[in-house]
Amino acid sequence: MKAYRALPLALLFPLLAACVVSPVEEVAASTLTYSCCETADVERSYQPGQTFTLNWVVESPDEPPVTPTPGPGVELTAHLIGPFESVEQLTAHAMGTLTVPGLVTYPAEPVRPADAPDRRPVSTIVIAPDAGPGYYNLISSMADQGNAVGGESVIQVVPAD
């Protein structure tokens, strides 16, 4: 009779173990997303030689898990392209309808937030001391497992005082 009672418990333990593992797998699968950037980052003017700081906005899923983490392959990139004489010229170039000679690119080092999931990522772009005044296209993107999403903003560089 004792062997009969042990058999159902032996069958029950694997089922209980499966119930415990399921929520852990859900948490591991949830990721944070990132977008550019705080309004204050793009609303001010910069001068040649200054450093542009992009504070990435961290967004959690609609129903956040207990401890959201970025995916292991998330990479955040950003760069400035310019100078453009006007926002209209920048827009036409971005749409591919206008070629503008003499543009330069200032890149930020890629950021991989999986290294520090509890921090807000920051990218920095050094604007060269000889950067021309004008409008610069800030292009930012978040890549994760072969998929990428991005955006663009306008940054103004004014002549040094």
Protein backbone atom coordinates (compact mmCIF):
# COMPACT_ATOMS: atom_id res chain seq x y z
CA MET A 1 0.00 0.00 0.00
CA LYS A 2 2.86 2.43 0.70
CA ALA A 3 4.27 1.92 -2.82
CA TYR A 4 0.86 2.89 -4.24
CA ARG A 5 0.94 6.30 -2.43
CA ALA A 6 4.55 7.03 -3.47
CA LEU A 7 3.77 6.62 -7.16
CA PRO A 8 1.37 9.61 -7.44
CA LEU A 9 3.83 11.85 -5.56
CA ALA A 10 6.61 10.78 -7.92
CA LEU A 11 4.42 11.82 -10.86
CA LEU A 12 3.43 15.09 -9.17
CA PHE A 13 6.97 16.44 -8.58
CA PRO A 14 7.83 16.89 -12.29
CA LEU A 15 4.55 18.79 -12.77
CA LEU A 16 5.33 21.11 -9.86
CA ALA A 17 8.83 21.71 -11.20
CA ALA A 18 7.37 22.70 -14.57
CA CYS A 19 5.08 25.24 -12.89
CA VAL A 20 8.01 26.84 -11.09
CA VAL A 21 10.16 27.12 -14.23
CA SER A 22 7.49 28.78 -16.38
CA PRO A 23 7.45 32.23 -14.69
CA VAL A 24 11.25 32.38 -14.65
CA GLU A 25 11.30 31.83 -18.43
CA GLU A 26 8.75 34.63 -18.92
CA VAL A 27 10.88 37.11 -16.96
CA ALA A 28 13.99 36.19 -18.92
CA ALA A 29 12.16 36.71 -22.22
CA SER A 30 10.94 40.23 -21.33
CA THR A 31 13.17 43.10 -22.41
CA LEU A 32 13.43 46.82 -22.08
CA THR A 33 13.41 49.09 -25.09
CA TYR A 34 15.25 52.36 -25.59
CA SER A 35 14.52 55.48 -27.57
CA CYS A 36 16.16 58.83 -28.13
CA CYS A 37 16.15 61.00 -26.04
CA GLU A 38 15.30 63.50 -23.36
CA THR A 39 13.82 66.70 -24.76
CA ALA A 40 16.49 68.81 -23.08
CA ASP A 41 19.18 66.95 -25.05
CA VAL A 42 17.95 68.27 -28.40
CA GLU A 43 16.35 71.61 -27.50
CA ARG A 44 19.55 73.44 -26.71
CA SER A 45 22.22 74.78 -29.04
CA TYR A 46 25.77 73.44 -29.01
CA GLN A 47 29.09 75.01 -29.95
CA PRO A 48 32.06 73.46 -31.74
CA GLY A 49 34.23 71.58 -29.26
CA GLN A 50 31.34 70.72 -26.93
CA THR A 51 30.09 67.24 -26.16
CA PHE A 52 26.53 66.31 -27.08
CA THR A 53 25.05 63.97 -24.46
CA LEU A 54 22.18 61.71 -25.45
CA ASN A 55 20.23 60.34 -22.47
CA TRP A 56 18.40 57.24 -23.70
CA VAL A 57 14.79 56.89 -22.56
CA VAL A 58 14.14 53.46 -21.02
CA GLU A 59 10.73 51.94 -21.72
CA SER A 60 9.35 48.85 -20.00
CA PRO A 61 6.84 46.43 -21.52
CA ASP A 62 3.14 47.21 -20.88
CA GLU A 63 3.08 44.67 -18.08
CA PRO A 64 6.57 44.86 -16.59
CA PRO A 65 8.10 41.69 -15.18
CA VAL A 66 9.46 41.61 -11.66
CA THR A 67 12.98 42.53 -12.82
CA PRO A 68 13.01 43.80 -16.42
CA THR A 69 16.35 43.44 -18.17
CA PRO A 70 17.66 44.44 -21.55
CA GLY A 71 18.15 41.67 -24.05
CA PRO A 72 21.70 40.34 -24.28
CA GLY A 73 22.25 41.65 -27.80
CA VAL A 74 20.85 45.18 -27.46
CA GLU A 75 23.10 47.85 -28.96
CA LEU A 76 22.37 51.57 -28.97
CA THR A 77 24.04 53.76 -31.59
CA ALA A 78 23.94 57.44 -32.48
CA HIS A 79 25.73 59.88 -34.75
CA LEU A 80 25.46 63.46 -35.98
CA ILE A 81 25.65 64.36 -39.69
CA GLY A 82 25.99 67.95 -40.89
CA PRO A 83 26.21 70.85 -41.14
CA PHE A 84 23.12 71.76 -43.10
CA GLU A 85 22.17 75.38 -43.87
CA SER A 86 18.52 74.84 -42.87
CA VAL A 87 16.17 72.24 -41.45
CA GLU A 88 14.56 72.03 -44.91
CA GLN A 89 17.94 71.13 -46.46
CA LEU A 90 18.54 68.53 -43.72
CA THR A 91 15.10 67.01 -44.33
CA ALA A 92 15.60 66.86 -48.10
CA HIS A 93 18.96 65.14 -47.61
CA ALA A 94 17.46 62.64 -45.14
CA MET A 95 14.71 61.82 -47.65
CA GLY A 96 17.31 61.27 -50.37
CA THR A 97 16.11 64.11 -52.59
CA LEU A 98 19.16 66.36 -52.12
CA THR A 99 22.91 65.76 -52.13
CA VAL A 100 24.89 68.08 -49.88
CA PRO A 101 28.69 68.15 -50.31
CA GLY A 102 31.08 68.53 -47.39
CA LEU A 103 29.04 66.81 -44.70
CA VAL A 104 30.85 65.31 -41.72
CA THR A 105 29.78 62.57 -39.31
CA TYR A 106 30.43 62.55 -35.59
CA PRO A 107 29.72 59.10 -34.10
CA ALA A 108 29.11 57.98 -30.53
CA GLU A 109 30.62 54.76 -29.25
CA PRO A 110 27.97 51.98 -29.30
CA VAL A 111 26.33 51.36 -25.92
CA ARG A 112 25.36 47.86 -24.79
CA PRO A 113 22.98 48.27 -21.83
CA ALA A 114 22.95 44.53 -21.04
CA ASP A 115 26.22 45.27 -19.23
CA ALA A 116 24.34 47.46 -16.70
CA PRO A 117 20.57 46.78 -16.77
CA ASP A 118 19.83 49.00 -13.75
CA ARG A 119 21.25 52.18 -15.30
CA ARG A 120 19.99 54.66 -17.87
CA PRO A 121 22.31 54.47 -20.87
CA VAL A 122 24.08 57.57 -22.11
CA SER A 123 25.81 58.17 -25.45
CA THR A 124 28.25 61.03 -25.97
CA ILE A 125 29.27 62.64 -29.23
CA VAL A 126 32.20 65.04 -29.33
CA ILE A 127 31.50 67.88 -31.74
CA ALA A 128 34.84 68.75 -33.35
CA PRO A 129 36.38 72.14 -32.49
CA ASP A 130 36.32 73.00 -36.21
CA ALA A 131 32.70 71.91 -36.75
CA GLY A 132 30.78 74.23 -39.00
CA PRO A 133 27.73 76.01 -37.63
CA GLY A 134 24.35 74.81 -38.84
CA TYR A 135 21.86 72.03 -38.36
CA TYR A 136 22.94 68.45 -37.73
CA ASN A 137 20.86 65.32 -38.15
CA LEU A 138 20.98 63.18 -35.01
CA ILE A 139 20.36 59.58 -36.04
CA SER A 140 19.83 57.07 -33.24
CA SER A 141 18.95 53.41 -33.27
CA MET A 142 18.38 50.41 -31.06
CA ALA A 143 19.35 47.05 -32.55
CA ASP A 144 18.37 43.75 -30.95
CA GLN A 145 18.84 40.30 -32.49
CA GLY A 146 18.97 41.56 -36.06
CA ASN A 147 16.03 43.97 -35.73
CA ALA A 148 16.57 47.71 -35.54
CA VAL A 149 14.39 50.71 -34.80
CA GLY A 150 15.55 54.28 -34.91
CA GLY A 151 14.75 57.90 -35.11
CA GLU A 152 16.08 61.25 -36.12
CA SER A 153 16.23 64.66 -34.47
CA VAL A 154 17.73 68.03 -35.33
CA ILE A 155 20.61 69.52 -33.34
CA GLN A 156 21.83 73.05 -33.89
CA VAL A 157 25.50 73.99 -33.67
CA VAL A 158 26.11 77.72 -33.33
CA PRO A 159 29.40 79.61 -33.79
CA ALA A 160 31.68 79.69 -30.75
CA ASP A 161 31.51 82.85 -28.65
